[in-house]
């Protein structure tokens, strides 16, 4: 399928650049504080960049694979095999992964539940799972057979859920029942050629188009709701890892990136990029931690 650049040239800006960044991931926009949160998986750091682009670093002695916001104003962090809340109850809570897999990406749905994908550490076997963490701390494994479970998101009315398996090069689409947290009718939404990199994190805009980062492919792609490529944008980094919409009007794309897994590195690899667009995302969903806060975990 022939892809094309958007007729209007986009200005790619360096939102946050630091020589110590190795593998930035999981960007999430906090509209209340007008700041971007993300993690550096390789360095075990939680980072935030404010509107003046001042970067604050929190170093952790444990693995961090994702960050999401909570309704109480704190964060929920994914680790290798557990989640923790900051600014609320004292955790961690272990999650049920399979075999030699670890947790990877995570996003919150409109009902305040946290969904997490996992991946085989060797990126060979389909031991990755999709886990739903409910506000009452119950967890449910929805399905298995992901090699590298990655980016996930929903359309505007919550009737479709998108899940990426990076190693297979596929973005899957499911019918989603947001009231019951149930998925059905899996089909391939996009099958990404290896020549354009591996599909990684994703975001869905207000037109129900899916934006996907191509790890090792130096680009992000916008897919129409039909799965057809609308356009792609080349980037000055080898391996973009994930995407989110943010900014005052949720029209700015923030793109994290990695220095890992490339032989032809650039000085910007690992940076966080931003692109002002005429497209819009939705307000960030927050995990409902109200029941966690009264659990009295020690």
Protein backbone atom coordinates (compact mmCIF):
# COMPACT_ATOMS: atom_id res chain seq x y z
CA UNK A 1 0.00 0.00 0.00
CA UNK A 2 1.45 3.32 -1.04
CA UNK A 3 1.88 5.72 1.86
CA UNK A 4 2.56 9.42 1.52
CA UNK A 5 3.66 12.38 3.57
CA UNK A 6 0.99 14.75 4.73
CA UNK A 7 0.88 17.67 2.27
CA UNK A 8 1.56 20.12 5.08
CA UNK A 9 5.15 19.75 6.37
CA UNK A 10 5.31 19.19 10.10
CA UNK A 11 7.86 20.81 12.36
CA UNK A 12 9.38 18.20 14.68
CA UNK A 13 10.52 19.84 17.92
CA UNK A 14 12.84 18.49 20.62
CA UNK A 15 10.62 18.62 23.70
CA UNK A 16 13.13 17.04 26.09
CA UNK A 17 16.71 16.04 25.38
CA UNK A 18 19.12 14.49 27.84
CA UNK A 19 22.28 12.53 27.11
CA UNK A 20 21.43 10.11 29.93
CA UNK A 21 18.09 9.02 28.41
CA UNK A 22 18.36 5.46 27.09
CA UNK A 23 14.87 4.07 26.46
CA UNK A 24 12.08 6.57 27.08
CA UNK A 25 8.57 5.15 27.03
CA UNK A 26 4.94 5.49 28.17
CA UNK A 27 4.27 9.23 27.67
CA UNK A 28 1.14 10.54 29.40
CA UNK A 29 -0.12 14.12 29.53
CA UNK A 30 -1.32 15.65 32.81
CA UNK A 31 -3.68 18.43 31.78
CA UNK A 32 -4.09 19.67 35.37
CA UNK A 33 -0.38 20.36 35.74
CA UNK A 34 0.28 20.94 32.01
CA UNK A 35 3.19 18.50 32.14
CA UNK A 36 4.36 15.37 30.38
CA UNK A 37 5.21 12.24 32.36
CA UNK A 38 7.23 9.36 30.93
CA UNK A 39 9.68 6.69 32.03
CA UNK A 40 13.17 5.61 31.08
CA UNK A 41 12.94 1.84 31.35
CA UNK A 42 16.68 1.21 31.01
CA UNK A 43 17.58 3.74 33.73
CA UNK A 44 14.67 3.01 36.10
CA UNK A 45 13.60 6.65 36.09
CA UNK A 46 10.26 8.44 36.21
CA UNK A 47 10.49 11.82 34.51
CA UNK A 48 8.27 14.84 34.13
CA UNK A 49 8.69 17.88 31.91
CA UNK A 50 6.66 21.03 32.63
CA UNK A 51 5.39 23.65 30.20
CA UNK A 52 8.71 25.51 30.47
CA UNK A 53 10.50 22.26 29.58
CA UNK A 54 12.11 21.89 32.95
CA UNK A 55 12.76 18.20 33.54
CA UNK A 56 12.39 16.57 36.97
CA UNK A 57 13.85 13.10 37.49
CA UNK A 58 12.82 10.53 40.09
CA UNK A 59 15.21 7.60 40.23
CA UNK A 60 13.83 4.29 41.46
CA UNK A 61 15.70 1.22 42.60
CA UNK A 62 13.14 -1.06 40.96
CA UNK A 63 12.07 -1.68 37.39
CA UNK A 64 9.65 0.80 35.82
CA UNK A 65 7.93 -0.01 32.54
CA UNK A 66 4.97 2.40 32.43
CA UNK A 67 3.32 5.36 34.13
CA UNK A 68 -0.33 6.42 34.27
CA UNK A 69 -2.24 9.03 36.24
CA UNK A 70 -4.67 8.36 39.10
CA UNK A 71 -7.87 10.15 40.06
CA UNK A 72 -6.33 11.17 43.40
CA UNK A 73 -3.56 13.08 41.61
CA UNK A 74 -0.79 10.49 41.93
CA UNK A 75 0.73 7.94 39.59
CA UNK A 76 0.42 4.23 39.04
CA UNK A 77 3.68 2.65 37.91
CA UNK A 78 4.09 -0.64 36.12
CA UNK A 79 7.16 -2.68 36.97
CA UNK A 80 8.42 -5.98 35.63
CA UNK A 81 5.86 -8.10 37.49
CA UNK A 82 3.91 -5.71 39.72
CA UNK A 83 2.30 -2.28 39.97
CA UNK A 84 2.80 0.44 42.57
CA UNK A 85 0.91 3.60 43.45
CA UNK A 86 2.70 6.84 44.27
CA UNK A 87 0.76 9.43 46.20
CA UNK A 88 -1.71 6.87 47.49
CA UNK A 89 -1.67 3.43 49.06
CA UNK A 90 1.62 1.69 49.65
CA UNK A 91 2.08 -1.24 47.30
CA UNK A 92 3.38 -3.20 45.22
CA UNK A 93 0.70 -5.53 43.99
CA UNK A 94 2.04 -8.50 42.00
CA UNK A 95 0.40 -9.27 38.65
CA UNK A 96 0.12 -12.67 37.07
CA UNK A 97 2.49 -12.86 34.12
CA UNK A 98 3.44 -16.12 32.38
CA UNK A 99 6.75 -17.94 31.97
CA UNK A 100 9.72 -15.63 31.54
CA UNK A 101 7.62 -12.62 30.54
CA UNK A 102 7.51 -9.13 32.04
CA UNK A 103 5.00 -6.29 31.99
CA UNK A 104 5.36 -3.77 29.19
CA UNK A 105 2.87 -1.09 28.14
CA UNK A 106 -0.17 0.08 30.13
CA UNK A 107 -3.14 2.40 29.59
CA UNK A 108 -6.30 3.36 31.49
CA UNK A 109 -9.76 3.00 29.94
CA UNK A 110 -12.65 5.45 30.33
CA UNK A 111 -14.04 3.41 33.26
CA UNK A 112 -10.85 3.91 35.30
CA UNK A 113 -9.41 0.39 34.86
CA UNK A 114 -5.73 -0.20 34.10
CA UNK A 115 -4.89 -2.49 31.18
CA UNK A 116 -1.37 -3.91 30.90
CA UNK A 117 0.38 -5.93 28.23
CA UNK A 118 3.33 -8.22 28.89
CA UNK A 119 6.11 -9.64 26.72
CA UNK A 120 8.50 -12.56 26.52
CA UNK A 121 11.87 -11.31 27.78
CA UNK A 122 13.63 -13.12 24.92
CA UNK A 123 11.02 -11.88 22.40
CA UNK A 124 10.55 -15.40 21.04
CA UNK A 125 7.65 -17.20 22.70
CA UNK A 126 3.97 -16.12 22.85
CA UNK A 127 3.88 -15.92 26.65
CA UNK A 128 2.71 -12.31 26.80
CA UNK A 129 -0.75 -11.61 28.21
CA UNK A 130 -3.29 -8.81 28.53
CA UNK A 131 -4.19 -8.04 32.16
CA UNK A 132 -7.04 -5.88 33.43
CA UNK A 133 -6.54 -4.34 36.88
CA UNK A 134 -9.85 -3.25 38.39
CA UNK A 135 -10.25 -0.35 40.85
CA UNK A 136 -10.87 -2.83 43.69
CA UNK A 137 -7.40 -4.37 43.06
CA UNK A 138 -8.81 -7.51 41.44
CA UNK A 139 -7.00 -8.58 38.29
CA UNK A 140 -8.06 -10.67 35.33
CA UNK A 141 -5.98 -12.14 32.52
CA UNK A 142 -8.00 -11.59 29.38
CA UNK A 143 -5.96 -13.56 26.87
CA UNK A 144 -2.48 -14.84 26.12
CA UNK A 145 -0.32 -15.54 23.07
CA UNK A 146 1.40 -12.16 22.68
CA UNK A 147 5.12 -12.25 21.95
CA UNK A 148 5.78 -8.58 22.70
CA UNK A 149 2.52 -7.07 23.94
CA UNK A 150 2.75 -3.34 23.43
CA UNK A 151 0.73 -0.20 22.63
CA UNK A 152 -3.00 -0.18 23.35
CA UNK A 153 -5.90 2.24 23.15
CA UNK A 154 -9.62 2.73 22.44
CA UNK A 155 -11.83 4.58 20.00
CA UNK A 156 -13.92 7.50 21.20
CA UNK A 157 -17.05 5.61 22.23
CA UNK A 158 -15.16 2.71 23.78
CA UNK A 159 -16.51 0.05 21.42
CA UNK A 160 -13.11 -0.88 19.92
CA UNK A 161 -9.79 -1.69 21.58
CA UNK A 162 -6.43 -1.77 19.79
CA UNK A 163 -3.52 -3.93 20.99
CA UNK A 164 -0.07 -4.23 19.44
CA UNK A 165 2.16 -7.28 19.20
CA UNK A 166 5.44 -5.70 18.16
CA UNK A 167 7.33 -8.87 17.33
CA UNK A 168 4.64 -10.17 14.98
CA UNK A 169 4.36 -6.72 13.41
CA UNK A 170 0.61 -6.55 13.94
CA UNK A 171 -1.87 -4.17 15.51
CA UNK A 172 -5.05 -6.05 16.47
CA UNK A 173 -8.55 -4.65 16.83
CA UNK A 174 -11.19 -6.09 19.19
CA UNK A 175 -14.82 -5.37 19.83
CA UNK A 176 -14.85 -3.92 23.36
CA UNK A 177 -17.61 -3.84 25.95
CA UNK A 178 -16.57 -1.04 28.26
CA UNK A 179 -19.25 -1.81 30.86
CA UNK A 180 -18.19 -5.45 31.26
CA UNK A 181 -14.49 -5.03 30.33
CA UNK A 182 -14.84 -7.77 27.71
CA UNK A 183 -13.10 -8.22 24.36
CA UNK A 184 -14.26 -10.25 21.36
CA UNK A 185 -13.79 -10.79 17.64
CA UNK A 186 -10.06 -10.25 17.20
CA UNK A 187 -8.92 -9.18 13.73
CA UNK A 188 -5.80 -7.62 12.24
CA UNK A 189 -6.10 -3.84 12.03
CA UNK A 190 -2.63 -3.26 10.54
CA UNK A 191 0.15 -5.61 9.43
CA UNK A 192 3.36 -3.57 9.47
CA UNK A 193 6.18 -4.55 7.06
CA UNK A 194 9.51 -5.20 8.78
CA UNK A 195 11.10 -2.72 6.39
CA UNK A 196 9.29 0.12 8.22
CA UNK A 197 10.18 -1.04 11.74
CA UNK A 198 8.14 -2.70 14.48
CA UNK A 199 4.83 -1.22 15.67
CA UNK A 200 5.25 0.00 19.24
CA UNK A 201 3.13 2.40 21.31
CA UNK A 202 -0.01 3.97 19.89
CA UNK A 203 -2.59 6.72 20.41
CA UNK A 204 -6.09 7.25 19.03
CA UNK A 205 -7.25 10.73 17.96
CA UNK A 206 -10.68 12.37 17.96
CA UNK A 207 -11.38 11.08 14.44
CA UNK A 208 -10.79 7.49 15.62
CA UNK A 209 -7.55 7.31 13.63
CA UNK A 210 -4.71 5.30 15.14
CA UNK A 211 -1.19 6.73 15.40
CA UNK A 212 1.59 4.15 15.78
CA UNK A 213 5.30 4.55 16.53
CA UNK A 214 7.62 2.39 14.40
CA UNK A 215 10.55 1.14 16.50
CA UNK A 216 13.58 1.02 14.22
CA UNK A 217 11.59 2.67 11.44
CA UNK A 218 12.23 6.41 12.06
CA UNK A 219 8.55 7.23 11.64
CA UNK A 220 5.07 7.45 13.05
CA UNK A 221 2.05 6.42 10.97
CA UNK A 222 -1.54 7.59 11.07
CA UNK A 223 -4.04 4.88 10.18
CA UNK A 224 -7.63 5.58 9.19
CA UNK A 225 -10.35 3.69 11.13
CA UNK A 226 -10.41 1.18 8.25
CA UNK A 227 -6.75 0.30 8.87
CA UNK A 228 -5.61 2.02 5.67
CA UNK A 229 -2.51 4.21 5.99
CA UNK A 230 -3.41 7.90 5.89
CA UNK A 231 0.16 9.23 6.05
CA UNK A 232 3.42 8.88 7.92
CA UNK A 233 5.92 11.37 9.31
CA UNK A 234 9.64 10.71 9.26
CA UNK A 235 11.50 11.51 12.49
CA UNK A 236 15.08 12.44 13.40
CA UNK A 237 15.34 9.39 15.72
CA UNK A 238 15.81 5.76 14.76
CA UNK A 239 13.42 4.16 17.21
CA UNK A 240 10.31 6.04 18.37
CA UNK A 241 8.69 3.99 21.13
CA UNK A 242 5.34 5.54 22.02
CA UNK A 243 2.96 8.46 21.44
CA UNK A 244 0.41 10.53 23.30
CA UNK A 245 -1.60 13.68 22.63
CA UNK A 246 -1.22 16.60 25.01
CA UNK A 247 -0.66 20.32 25.27
CA UNK A 248 -3.27 22.99 26.12
CA UNK A 249 -5.65 21.75 23.39
CA UNK A 250 -4.53 18.11 23.16
CA UNK A 251 -3.28 18.80 19.65
CA UNK A 252 0.43 18.23 20.31
CA UNK A 253 1.92 14.80 19.69
CA UNK A 254 4.60 13.74 22.16
CA UNK A 255 6.89 10.95 20.99
CA UNK A 256 9.34 9.02 23.16
CA UNK A 257 12.34 7.20 21.67
CA UNK A 258 15.16 4.78 22.40
CA UNK A 259 18.92 4.49 21.96
CA UNK A 260 18.74 0.70 22.11
CA UNK A 261 18.76 -1.86 19.31
CA UNK A 262 20.24 0.32 16.59
CA UNK A 263 23.63 0.32 14.90
CA UNK A 264 23.23 3.72 13.26
CA UNK A 265 22.44 5.94 16.22
CA UNK A 266 21.73 9.67 16.06
CA UNK A 267 22.43 12.30 18.70
CA UNK A 268 18.69 12.66 19.29
CA UNK A 269 17.97 8.99 20.01
CA UNK A 270 16.38 8.73 23.47
CA UNK A 271 14.91 12.23 23.26
CA UNK A 272 11.23 13.14 23.54
CA UNK A 273 9.91 14.88 20.43
CA UNK A 274 6.81 17.00 19.93
CA UNK A 275 4.78 17.91 16.85
CA UNK A 276 1.99 20.51 16.79
CA UNK A 277 -0.84 19.20 14.62
CA UNK A 278 -4.38 20.09 13.56
CA UNK A 279 -5.58 16.80 15.03
CA UNK A 280 -6.84 16.33 18.57
CA UNK A 281 -6.60 13.64 21.19
CA UNK A 282 -8.84 13.07 24.21
CA UNK A 283 -8.34 13.97 27.84
CA UNK A 284 -6.17 11.51 29.70
CA UNK A 285 -8.01 8.69 31.47
CA UNK A 286 -7.06 8.27 35.13
CA UNK A 287 -6.98 5.09 37.18
CA UNK A 288 -9.69 4.99 39.85
CA UNK A 289 -7.60 4.53 42.98
CA UNK A 290 -10.30 5.55 45.49
CA UNK A 291 -10.68 1.99 46.81
CA UNK A 292 -6.90 1.53 46.93
CA UNK A 293 -6.62 4.60 49.14
CA UNK A 294 -8.77 3.07 51.88
CA UNK A 295 -7.22 -0.40 51.76
CA UNK A 296 -4.58 0.45 54.36
CA UNK A 297 -1.78 -1.42 52.62
CA UNK A 298 1.42 -1.40 54.67
